[in-house]
């Protein structure tokens, strides 16, 4: 279910389900374009922005050695996960590359 929701992301490399409890997003294209536009810096900024915009927490990949990655836990009930993922998709799609 979660990968189906994340498949609606634009300007983001298709999501993967990594590990036992998280999805991984590669934000390299999106983060680079946003940084060039001066809108957002690194994925740490994207993670903070997503928390403010969607009330959904995620972890920037820098904590795991990947400055372009974003980890989204799905270690919650499926209904809550679906709500959070839909909010993230909507928010990231609003940051579309021009």
PDB file of N, CA and C in Angstrom:
ATOM      1  N   UNK A   1       0.816  -1.190   0.000  1.00  0.00           N
ATOM      2  CA  UNK A   1       0.000   0.000   0.000  1.00  0.00           C
ATOM      3  C   UNK A   1       0.866   1.263   0.000  1.00  0.00           C
ATOM      4  N   UNK A   2       1.872   1.321   0.865  1.00  0.00           N
ATOM      5  CA  UNK A   2       2.708   2.513   0.971  1.00  0.00           C
ATOM      6  C   UNK A   2       3.452   2.833  -0.307  1.00  0.00           C
ATOM      7  N   UNK A   3       3.990   1.813  -0.972  1.00  0.00           N
ATOM      8  CA  UNK A   3       4.706   2.059  -2.221  1.00  0.00           C
ATOM      9  C   UNK A   3       3.753   2.579  -3.298  1.00  0.00           C
ATOM     10  N   UNK A   4       2.508   2.114  -3.268  1.00  0.00           N
ATOM     11  CA  UNK A   4       1.512   2.632  -4.224  1.00  0.00           C
ATOM     12  C   UNK A   4       1.269   4.116  -4.002  1.00  0.00           C
ATOM     13  N   UNK A   5       1.166   4.536  -2.773  1.00  0.00           N
ATOM     14  CA  UNK A   5       0.959   5.953  -2.461  1.00  0.00           C
ATOM     15  C   UNK A   5       2.175   6.763  -2.899  1.00  0.00           C
ATOM     16  N   UNK A   6       3.365   6.281  -2.567  1.00  0.00           N
ATOM     17  CA  UNK A   6       4.592   7.001  -2.917  1.00  0.00           C
ATOM     18  C   UNK A   6       4.864   7.017  -4.414  1.00  0.00           C
ATOM     19  N   UNK A   7       4.238   6.119  -5.162  1.00  0.00           N
ATOM     20  CA  UNK A   7       4.435   6.112  -6.620  1.00  0.00           C
ATOM     21  C   UNK A   7       3.849   7.361  -7.274  1.00  0.00           C
ATOM     22  N   UNK A   8       3.055   8.124  -6.531  1.00  0.00           N
ATOM     23  CA  UNK A   8       2.480   9.363  -7.053  1.00  0.00           C
ATOM     24  C   UNK A   8       3.427  10.554  -6.940  1.00  0.00           C
ATOM     25  N   UNK A   9       4.609  10.346  -6.365  1.00  0.00           N
ATOM     26  CA  UNK A   9       5.582  11.433  -6.258  1.00  0.00           C
ATOM     27  C   UNK A   9       6.129  11.810  -7.629  1.00  0.00           C
ATOM     28  N   UNK A  10       6.285  13.104  -7.841  1.00  0.00           N
ATOM     29  CA  UNK A  10       6.913  13.615  -9.056  1.00  0.00           C
ATOM     30  C   UNK A  10       8.268  14.182  -8.651  1.00  0.00           C
ATOM     31  N   UNK A  11       9.212  14.153  -9.572  1.00  0.00           N
ATOM     32  CA  UNK A  11      10.539  14.739  -9.351  1.00  0.00           C
ATOM     33  C   UNK A  11      11.314  14.072  -8.222  1.00  0.00           C
ATOM     34  N   UNK A  12      10.917  12.871  -7.842  1.00  0.00           N
ATOM     35  CA  UNK A  12      11.609  12.098  -6.809  1.00  0.00           C
ATOM     36  C   UNK A  12      11.827  10.694  -7.374  1.00  0.00           C
ATOM     37  N   UNK A  13      13.039  10.182  -7.200  1.00  0.00           N
ATOM     38  CA  UNK A  13      13.331   8.820  -7.638  1.00  0.00           C
ATOM     39  C   UNK A  13      12.339   7.877  -6.961  1.00  0.00           C
ATOM     40  N   UNK A  14      11.814   6.882  -7.693  1.00  0.00           N
ATOM     41  CA  UNK A  14      10.822   5.981  -7.087  1.00  0.00           C
ATOM     42  C   UNK A  14      11.282   5.427  -5.740  1.00  0.00           C
ATOM     43  N   UNK A  15      10.347   5.388  -4.829  1.00  0.00           N
ATOM     44  CA  UNK A  15      10.632   4.947  -3.458  1.00  0.00           C
ATOM     45  C   UNK A  15      10.945   3.463  -3.409  1.00  0.00           C
ATOM     46  N   UNK A  16      11.708   3.099  -2.375  1.00  0.00           N
ATOM     47  CA  UNK A  16      12.009   1.695  -2.085  1.00  0.00           C
ATOM     48  C   UNK A  16      11.576   1.411  -0.654  1.00  0.00           C
ATOM     49  N   UNK A  17      11.195   0.181  -0.413  1.00  0.00           N
ATOM     50  CA  UNK A  17      10.954  -0.259   0.961  1.00  0.00           C
ATOM     51  C   UNK A  17      12.254  -0.902   1.414  1.00  0.00           C
ATOM     52  N   UNK A  18      12.957  -0.238   2.294  1.00  0.00           N
ATOM     53  CA  UNK A  18      14.241  -0.734   2.792  1.00  0.00           C
ATOM     54  C   UNK A  18      14.100  -1.130   4.250  1.00  0.00           C
ATOM     55  N   UNK A  19      14.869  -2.109   4.642  1.00  0.00           N
ATOM     56  CA  UNK A  19      14.843  -2.517   6.034  1.00  0.00           C
ATOM     57  C   UNK A  19      13.473  -3.061   6.412  1.00  0.00           C
ATOM     58  N   UNK A  20      13.250  -3.143   7.694  1.00  0.00           N
ATOM     59  CA  UNK A  20      12.011  -3.734   8.175  1.00  0.00           C
ATOM     60  C   UNK A  20      10.909  -2.712   8.404  1.00  0.00           C
ATOM     61  N   UNK A  21      11.294  -1.423   8.582  1.00  0.00           N
ATOM     62  CA  UNK A  21      10.288  -0.471   9.025  1.00  0.00           C
ATOM     63  C   UNK A  21      10.324   0.869   8.318  1.00  0.00           C
ATOM     64  N   UNK A  22      10.950   0.973   7.159  1.00  0.00           N
ATOM     65  CA  UNK A  22      10.988   2.295   6.542  1.00  0.00           C
ATOM     66  C   UNK A  22      11.007   2.247   5.028  1.00  0.00           C
ATOM     67  N   UNK A  23      10.522   3.345   4.456  1.00  0.00           N
ATOM     68  CA  UNK A  23      10.650   3.612   3.027  1.00  0.00           C
ATOM     69  C   UNK A  23      11.823   4.563   2.866  1.00  0.00           C
ATOM     70  N   UNK A  24      12.492   4.464   1.749  1.00  0.00           N
ATOM     71  CA  UNK A  24      13.617   5.344   1.454  1.00  0.00           C
ATOM     72  C   UNK A  24      13.278   6.162   0.214  1.00  0.00           C
ATOM     73  N   UNK A  25      13.427   7.477   0.311  1.00  0.00           N
ATOM     74  CA  UNK A  25      13.245   8.358  -0.836  1.00  0.00           C
ATOM     75  C   UNK A  25      14.586   8.969  -1.201  1.00  0.00           C
ATOM     76  N   UNK A  26      14.924   8.941  -2.462  1.00  0.00           N
ATOM     77  CA  UNK A  26      16.130   9.601  -2.965  1.00  0.00           C
ATOM     78  C   UNK A  26      15.697  10.964  -3.493  1.00  0.00           C
ATOM     79  N   UNK A  27      16.035  12.010  -2.761  1.00  0.00           N
ATOM     80  CA  UNK A  27      15.613  13.364  -3.112  1.00  0.00           C
ATOM     81  C   UNK A  27      16.676  14.134  -3.888  1.00  0.00           C
ATOM     82  N   UNK A  28      17.637  13.437  -4.455  1.00  0.00           N
ATOM     83  CA  UNK A  28      18.746  14.101  -5.124  1.00  0.00           C
ATOM     84  C   UNK A  28      18.268  15.120  -6.159  1.00  0.00           C
ATOM     85  N   UNK A  29      17.421  14.706  -7.092  1.00  0.00           N
ATOM     86  CA  UNK A  29      16.946  15.638  -8.135  1.00  0.00           C
ATOM     87  C   UNK A  29      16.165  16.802  -7.549  1.00  0.00           C
ATOM     88  N   UNK A  30      15.248  16.503  -6.689  1.00  0.00           N
ATOM     89  CA  UNK A  30      14.399  17.541  -6.116  1.00  0.00           C
ATOM     90  C   UNK A  30      15.200  18.484  -5.234  1.00  0.00           C
ATOM     91  N   UNK A  31      16.022  17.945  -4.347  1.00  0.00           N
ATOM     92  CA  UNK A  31      16.803  18.786  -3.435  1.00  0.00           C
ATOM     93  C   UNK A  31      17.783  19.665  -4.191  1.00  0.00           C
ATOM     94  N   UNK A  32      18.411  19.125  -5.232  1.00  0.00           N
ATOM     95  CA  UNK A  32      19.352  19.924  -6.033  1.00  0.00           C
ATOM     96  C   UNK A  32      18.648  21.092  -6.701  1.00  0.00           C
ATOM     97  N   UNK A  33      17.493  20.826  -7.283  1.00  0.00           N
ATOM     98  CA  UNK A  33      16.752  21.889  -7.957  1.00  0.00           C
ATOM     99  C   UNK A  33      16.279  22.944  -6.959  1.00  0.00           C
ATOM    100  N   UNK A  34      15.809  22.510  -5.805  1.00  0.00           N
ATOM    101  CA  UNK A  34      15.331  23.458  -4.798  1.00  0.00           C
ATOM    102  C   UNK A  34      16.473  24.286  -4.246  1.00  0.00           C
ATOM    103  N   UNK A  35      17.626  23.673  -4.085  1.00  0.00           N
ATOM    104  CA  UNK A  35      18.790  24.402  -3.590  1.00  0.00           C
ATOM    105  C   UNK A  35      19.220  25.443  -4.617  1.00  0.00           C
ATOM    106  N   UNK A  36      19.208  25.074  -5.900  1.00  0.00           N
ATOM    107  CA  UNK A  36      19.562  26.014  -6.960  1.00  0.00           C
ATOM    108  C   UNK A  36      18.615  27.213  -6.970  1.00  0.00           C
ATOM    109  N   UNK A  37      17.348  26.963  -6.650  1.00  0.00           N
ATOM    110  CA  UNK A  37      16.353  28.034  -6.623  1.00  0.00           C
ATOM    111  C   UNK A  37      16.393  28.810  -5.312  1.00  0.00           C
ATOM    112  N   UNK A  38      17.195  28.346  -4.351  1.00  0.00           N
ATOM    113  CA  UNK A  38      17.271  29.006  -3.051  1.00  0.00           C
ATOM    114  C   UNK A  38      16.073  28.739  -2.164  1.00  0.00           C
ATOM    115  N   UNK A  39      15.259  27.742  -2.513  1.00  0.00           N
ATOM    116  CA  UNK A  39      14.042  27.469  -1.752  1.00  0.00           C
ATOM    117  C   UNK A  39      14.283  26.550  -0.565  1.00  0.00           C
ATOM    118  N   UNK A  40      15.132  25.559  -0.723  1.00  0.00           N
ATOM    119  CA  UNK A  40      15.415  24.592   0.326  1.00  0.00           C
ATOM    120  C   UNK A  40      16.866  24.191   0.178  1.00  0.00           C
ATOM    121  N   UNK A  41      17.543  23.936   1.273  1.00  0.00           N
ATOM    122  CA  UNK A  41      18.938  23.529   1.205  1.00  0.00           C
ATOM    123  C   UNK A  41      19.103  22.037   1.032  1.00  0.00           C
ATOM    124  N   UNK A  42      19.398  21.361   2.092  1.00  0.00           N
ATOM    125  CA  UNK A  42      19.658  19.926   2.049  1.00  0.00           C
ATOM    126  C   UNK A  42      18.461  19.153   2.568  1.00  0.00           C
ATOM    127  N   UNK A  43      18.563  17.825   2.560  1.00  0.00           N
ATOM    128  CA  UNK A  43      17.420  17.026   3.000  1.00  0.00           C
ATOM    129  C   UNK A  43      17.078  17.248   4.476  1.00  0.00           C
ATOM    130  N   UNK A  44      18.033  17.731   5.274  1.00  0.00           N
ATOM    131  CA  UNK A  44      17.682  18.118   6.647  1.00  0.00           C
ATOM    132  C   UNK A  44      16.612  19.205   6.613  1.00  0.00           C
ATOM    133  N   UNK A  45      16.768  20.147   5.681  1.00  0.00           N
ATOM    134  CA  UNK A  45      15.781  21.215   5.531  1.00  0.00           C
ATOM    135  C   UNK A  45      14.449  20.666   5.039  1.00  0.00           C
ATOM    136  N   UNK A  46      14.500  19.696   4.129  1.00  0.00           N
ATOM    137  CA  UNK A  46      13.277  19.086   3.617  1.00  0.00           C
ATOM    138  C   UNK A  46      12.547  18.368   4.755  1.00  0.00           C
ATOM    139  N   UNK A  47      13.284  17.634   5.574  1.00  0.00           N
ATOM    140  CA  UNK A  47      12.665  16.917   6.701  1.00  0.00           C
ATOM    141  C   UNK A  47      11.997  17.892   7.669  1.00  0.00           C
ATOM    142  N   UNK A  48      12.663  18.993   7.981  1.00  0.00           N
ATOM    143  CA  UNK A  48      12.076  20.013   8.869  1.00  0.00           C
ATOM    144  C   UNK A  48      10.856  20.641   8.234  1.00  0.00           C
ATOM    145  N   UNK A  49      10.955  20.949   6.948  1.00  0.00           N
ATOM    146  CA  UNK A  49       9.841  21.560   6.226  1.00  0.00           C
ATOM    147  C   UNK A  49       8.643  20.622   6.203  1.00  0.00           C
ATOM    148  N   UNK A  50       8.905  19.320   5.936  1.00  0.00           N
ATOM    149  CA  UNK A  50       7.803  18.352   5.911  1.00  0.00           C
ATOM    150  C   UNK A  50       7.117  18.256   7.269  1.00  0.00           C
ATOM    151  N   UNK A  51       7.886  18.290   8.336  1.00  0.00           N
ATOM    152  CA  UNK A  51       7.284  18.236   9.671  1.00  0.00           C
ATOM    153  C   UNK A  51       6.357  19.428   9.888  1.00  0.00           C
ATOM    154  N   UNK A  52       6.803  20.608   9.490  1.00  0.00           N
ATOM    155  CA  UNK A  52       5.974  21.810   9.658  1.00  0.00           C
ATOM    156  C   UNK A  52       4.743  21.782   8.759  1.00  0.00           C
ATOM    157  N   UNK A  53       4.919  21.314   7.516  1.00  0.00           N
ATOM    158  CA  UNK A  53       3.824  21.342   6.544  1.00  0.00           C
ATOM    159  C   UNK A  53       2.810  20.225   6.729  1.00  0.00           C
ATOM    160  N   UNK A  54       3.285  19.053   7.132  1.00  0.00           N
ATOM    161  CA  UNK A  54       2.415  17.873   7.137  1.00  0.00           C
ATOM    162  C   UNK A  54       2.161  17.285   8.513  1.00  0.00           C
ATOM    163  N   UNK A  55       2.928  17.742   9.503  1.00  0.00           N
ATOM    164  CA  UNK A  55       2.861  17.174  10.844  1.00  0.00           C
ATOM    165  C   UNK A  55       3.266  15.699  10.845  1.00  0.00           C
ATOM    166  N   UNK A  56       4.133  15.345   9.885  1.00  0.00           N
ATOM    167  CA  UNK A  56       4.660  13.984   9.774  1.00  0.00           C
ATOM    168  C   UNK A  56       6.177  14.073   9.887  1.00  0.00           C
ATOM    169  N   UNK A  57       6.740  13.305  10.805  1.00  0.00           N
ATOM    170  CA  UNK A  57       8.185  13.310  11.007  1.00  0.00           C
ATOM    171  C   UNK A  57       8.852  12.287  10.097  1.00  0.00           C
ATOM    172  N   UNK A  58      10.010  12.641   9.605  1.00  0.00           N
ATOM    173  CA  UNK A  58      10.845  11.734   8.829  1.00  0.00           C
ATOM    174  C   UNK A  58      12.293  12.033   9.208  1.00  0.00           C
ATOM    175  N   UNK A  59      13.203  11.224   8.732  1.00  0.00           N
ATOM    176  CA  UNK A  59      14.602  11.389   9.106  1.00  0.00           C
ATOM    177  C   UNK A  59      15.427  11.633   7.851  1.00  0.00           C
ATOM    178  N   UNK A  60      16.174  12.720   7.873  1.00  0.00           N
ATOM    179  CA  UNK A  60      17.059  13.026   6.747  1.00  0.00           C
ATOM    180  C   UNK A  60      18.151  11.971   6.676  1.00  0.00           C
ATOM    181  N   UNK A  61      18.530  11.621   5.459  1.00  0.00           N
ATOM    182  CA  UNK A  61      19.507  10.558   5.245  1.00  0.00           C
ATOM    183  C   UNK A  61      20.899  10.860   5.733  1.00  0.00           C
ATOM    184  N   UNK A  62      21.212  12.136   5.977  1.00  0.00           N
ATOM    185  CA  UNK A  62      22.533  12.488   6.484  1.00  0.00           C
ATOM    186  C   UNK A  62      22.870  11.739   7.763  1.00  0.00           C
ATOM    187  N   UNK A  63      21.870  11.431   8.551  1.00  0.00           N
ATOM    188  CA  UNK A  63      22.080  10.674   9.787  1.00  0.00           C
ATOM    189  C   UNK A  63      22.545   9.248   9.503  1.00  0.00           C
ATOM    190  N   UNK A  64      22.359   8.805   8.244  1.00  0.00           N
ATOM    191  CA  UNK A  64      22.724   7.446   7.848  1.00  0.00           C
ATOM    192  C   UNK A  64      23.784   7.445   6.749  1.00  0.00           C
ATOM    193  N   UNK A  65      24.419   8.605   6.525  1.00  0.00           N
ATOM    194  CA  UNK A  65      25.483   8.691   5.535  1.00  0.00           C
ATOM    195  C   UNK A  65      25.032   8.979   4.120  1.00  0.00           C
ATOM    196  N   UNK A  66      23.776   9.365   3.936  1.00  0.00           N
ATOM    197  CA  UNK A  66      23.270   9.688   2.598  1.00  0.00           C
ATOM    198  C   UNK A  66      22.577  11.043   2.649  1.00  0.00           C
ATOM    199  N   UNK A  67      23.269  12.088   2.238  1.00  0.00           N
ATOM    200  CA  UNK A  67      22.721  13.444   2.345  1.00  0.00           C
ATOM    201  C   UNK A  67      21.539  13.695   1.420  1.00  0.00           C
ATOM    202  N   UNK A  68      21.302  12.814   0.454  1.00  0.00           N
ATOM    203  CA  UNK A  68      20.177  12.984  -0.471  1.00  0.00           C
ATOM    204  C   UNK A  68      18.969  12.137  -0.112  1.00  0.00           C
ATOM    205  N   UNK A  69      19.087  11.347   0.944  1.00  0.00           N
ATOM    206  CA  UNK A  69      18.018  10.422   1.278  1.00  0.00           C
ATOM    207  C   UNK A  69      17.073  10.944   2.336  1.00  0.00           C
ATOM    208  N   UNK A  70      15.919  10.318   2.377  1.00  0.00           N
ATOM    209  CA  UNK A  70      14.910  10.624   3.382  1.00  0.00           C
ATOM    210  C   UNK A  70      14.278   9.302   3.780  1.00  0.00           C
ATOM    211  N   UNK A  71      14.218   9.032   5.062  1.00  0.00           N
ATOM    212  CA  UNK A  71      13.618   7.794   5.557  1.00  0.00           C
ATOM    213  C   UNK A  71      12.260   8.081   6.170  1.00  0.00           C
ATOM    214  N   UNK A  72      11.298   7.255   5.793  1.00  0.00           N
ATOM    215  CA  UNK A  72       9.936   7.364   6.290  1.00  0.00           C
ATOM    216  C   UNK A  72       9.576   6.037   6.944  1.00  0.00           C
ATOM    217  N   UNK A  73       9.311   6.055   8.218  1.00  0.00           N
ATOM    218  CA  UNK A  73       8.980   4.827   8.929  1.00  0.00           C
ATOM    219  C   UNK A  73       7.554   4.395   8.612  1.00  0.00           C
ATOM    220  N   UNK A  74       7.363   3.095   8.454  1.00  0.00           N
ATOM    221  CA  UNK A  74       6.006   2.577   8.360  1.00  0.00           C
ATOM    222  C   UNK A  74       5.739   1.611   9.514  1.00  0.00           C
ATOM    223  N   UNK A  75       6.402   1.868  10.638  1.00  0.00           N
ATOM    224  CA  UNK A  75       6.208   1.070  11.850  1.00  0.00           C
ATOM    225  C   UNK A  75       5.042   1.564  12.674  1.00  0.00           C
ATOM    226  N   UNK A  76       3.970   1.941  12.008  1.00  0.00           N
ATOM    227  CA  UNK A  76       2.741   2.409  12.657  1.00  0.00           C
ATOM    228  C   UNK A  76       1.577   1.659  12.021  1.00  0.00           C
ATOM    229  N   UNK A  77       0.394   1.759  12.566  1.00  0.00           N
ATOM    230  CA  UNK A  77      -0.756   1.101  11.933  1.00  0.00           C
ATOM    231  C   UNK A  77      -0.915   1.545  10.471  1.00  0.00           C
ATOM    232  N   UNK A  78      -1.323   0.641   9.593  1.00  0.00           N
ATOM    233  CA  UNK A  78      -1.429   0.954   8.170  1.00  0.00           C
ATOM    234  C   UNK A  78      -2.265   2.199   7.846  1.00  0.00           C
ATOM    235  N   UNK A  79      -3.346   2.412   8.557  1.00  0.00           N
ATOM    236  CA  UNK A  79      -4.192   3.585   8.273  1.00  0.00           C
ATOM    237  C   UNK A  79      -3.435   4.877   8.570  1.00  0.00           C
ATOM    238  N   UNK A  80      -2.696   4.909   9.667  1.00  0.00           N
ATOM    239  CA  UNK A  80      -1.908   6.095  10.016  1.00  0.00           C
ATOM    240  C   UNK A  80      -0.775   6.298   9.021  1.00  0.00           C
ATOM    241  N   UNK A  81      -0.162   5.213   8.600  1.00  0.00           N
ATOM    242  CA  UNK A  81       0.907   5.290   7.612  1.00  0.00           C
ATOM    243  C   UNK A  81       0.379   5.872   6.297  1.00  0.00           C
ATOM    244  N   UNK A  82      -0.770   5.415   5.860  1.00  0.00           N
ATOM    245  CA  UNK A  82      -1.360   5.900   4.609  1.00  0.00           C
ATOM    246  C   UNK A  82      -1.649   7.396   4.680  1.00  0.00           C
ATOM    247  N   UNK A  83      -2.180   7.854   5.785  1.00  0.00           N
ATOM    248  CA  UNK A  83      -2.469   9.283   5.947  1.00  0.00           C
ATOM    249  C   UNK A  83      -1.181  10.090   5.861  1.00  0.00           C
ATOM    250  N   UNK A  84      -0.168   9.667   6.599  1.00  0.00           N
ATOM    251  CA  UNK A  84       1.105  10.378   6.592  1.00  0.00           C
ATOM    252  C   UNK A  84       1.766  10.391   5.224  1.00  0.00           C
ATOM    253  N   UNK A  85       1.763   9.252   4.539  1.00  0.00           N
ATOM    254  CA  UNK A  85       2.388   9.183   3.216  1.00  0.00           C
ATOM    255  C   UNK A  85       1.657  10.060   2.210  1.00  0.00           C
ATOM    256  N   UNK A  86       0.342  10.098   2.272  1.00  0.00           N
ATOM    257  CA  UNK A  86      -0.426  10.966   1.365  1.00  0.00           C
ATOM    258  C   UNK A  86      -0.096  12.433   1.613  1.00  0.00           C
ATOM    259  N   UNK A  87       0.062  12.808   2.870  1.00  0.00           N
ATOM    260  CA  UNK A  87       0.438  14.187   3.187  1.00  0.00           C
ATOM    261  C   UNK A  87       1.825  14.511   2.625  1.00  0.00           C
ATOM    262  N   UNK A  88       2.755  13.584   2.769  1.00  0.00           N
ATOM    263  CA  UNK A  88       4.109  13.802   2.260  1.00  0.00           C
ATOM    264  C   UNK A  88       4.106  13.921   0.744  1.00  0.00           C
ATOM    265  N   UNK A  89       3.380  13.056   0.067  1.00  0.00           N
ATOM    266  CA  UNK A  89       3.303  13.120  -1.397  1.00  0.00           C
ATOM    267  C   UNK A  89       2.741  14.466  -1.831  1.00  0.00           C
ATOM    268  N   UNK A  90       1.660  14.888  -1.212  1.00  0.00           N
ATOM    269  CA  UNK A  90       1.048  16.159  -1.579  1.00  0.00           C
ATOM    270  C   UNK A  90       2.025  17.313  -1.367  1.00  0.00           C
ATOM    271  N   UNK A  91       2.704  17.327  -0.240  1.00  0.00           N
ATOM    272  CA  UNK A  91       3.641  18.417   0.066  1.00  0.00           C
ATOM    273  C   UNK A  91       4.829  18.414  -0.896  1.00  0.00           C
ATOM    274  N   UNK A  92       5.440  17.258  -1.117  1.00  0.00           N
ATOM    275  CA  UNK A  92       6.600  17.210  -2.017  1.00  0.00           C
ATOM    276  C   UNK A  92       6.219  17.537  -3.452  1.00  0.00           C
ATOM    277  N   UNK A  93       5.025  17.138  -3.867  1.00  0.00           N
ATOM    278  CA  UNK A  93       4.587  17.462  -5.226  1.00  0.00           C
ATOM    279  C   UNK A  93       4.346  18.961  -5.398  1.00  0.00           C
ATOM    280  N   UNK A  94       4.095  19.676  -4.310  1.00  0.00           N
ATOM    281  CA  UNK A  94       3.947  21.128  -4.384  1.00  0.00           C
ATOM    282  C   UNK A  94       5.300  21.805  -4.632  1.00  0.00           C
ATOM    283  N   UNK A  95       6.390  21.079  -4.344  1.00  0.00           N
ATOM    284  CA  UNK A  95       7.736  21.620  -4.555  1.00  0.00           C
ATOM    285  C   UNK A  95       8.257  21.267  -5.943  1.00  0.00           C
ATOM    286  N   UNK A  96       7.383  21.020  -6.845  1.00  0.00           N
ATOM    287  CA  UNK A  96       7.745  20.582  -8.185  1.00  0.00           C
ATOM    288  C   UNK A  96       8.838  21.393  -8.822  1.00  0.00           C
ATOM    289  N   UNK A  97       9.726  20.700  -9.511  1.00  0.00           N
ATOM    290  CA  UNK A  97      10.791  21.353 -10.267  1.00  0.00           C
ATOM    291  C   UNK A  97      10.161  22.093 -11.439  1.00  0.00           C
ATOM    292  N   UNK A  98      10.591  23.305 -11.634  1.00  0.00           N
ATOM    293  CA  UNK A  98      10.034  24.100 -12.744  1.00  0.00           C
ATOM    294  C   UNK A  98      10.714  23.796 -14.035  1.00  0.00           C
TER     295      UNK A  98
END
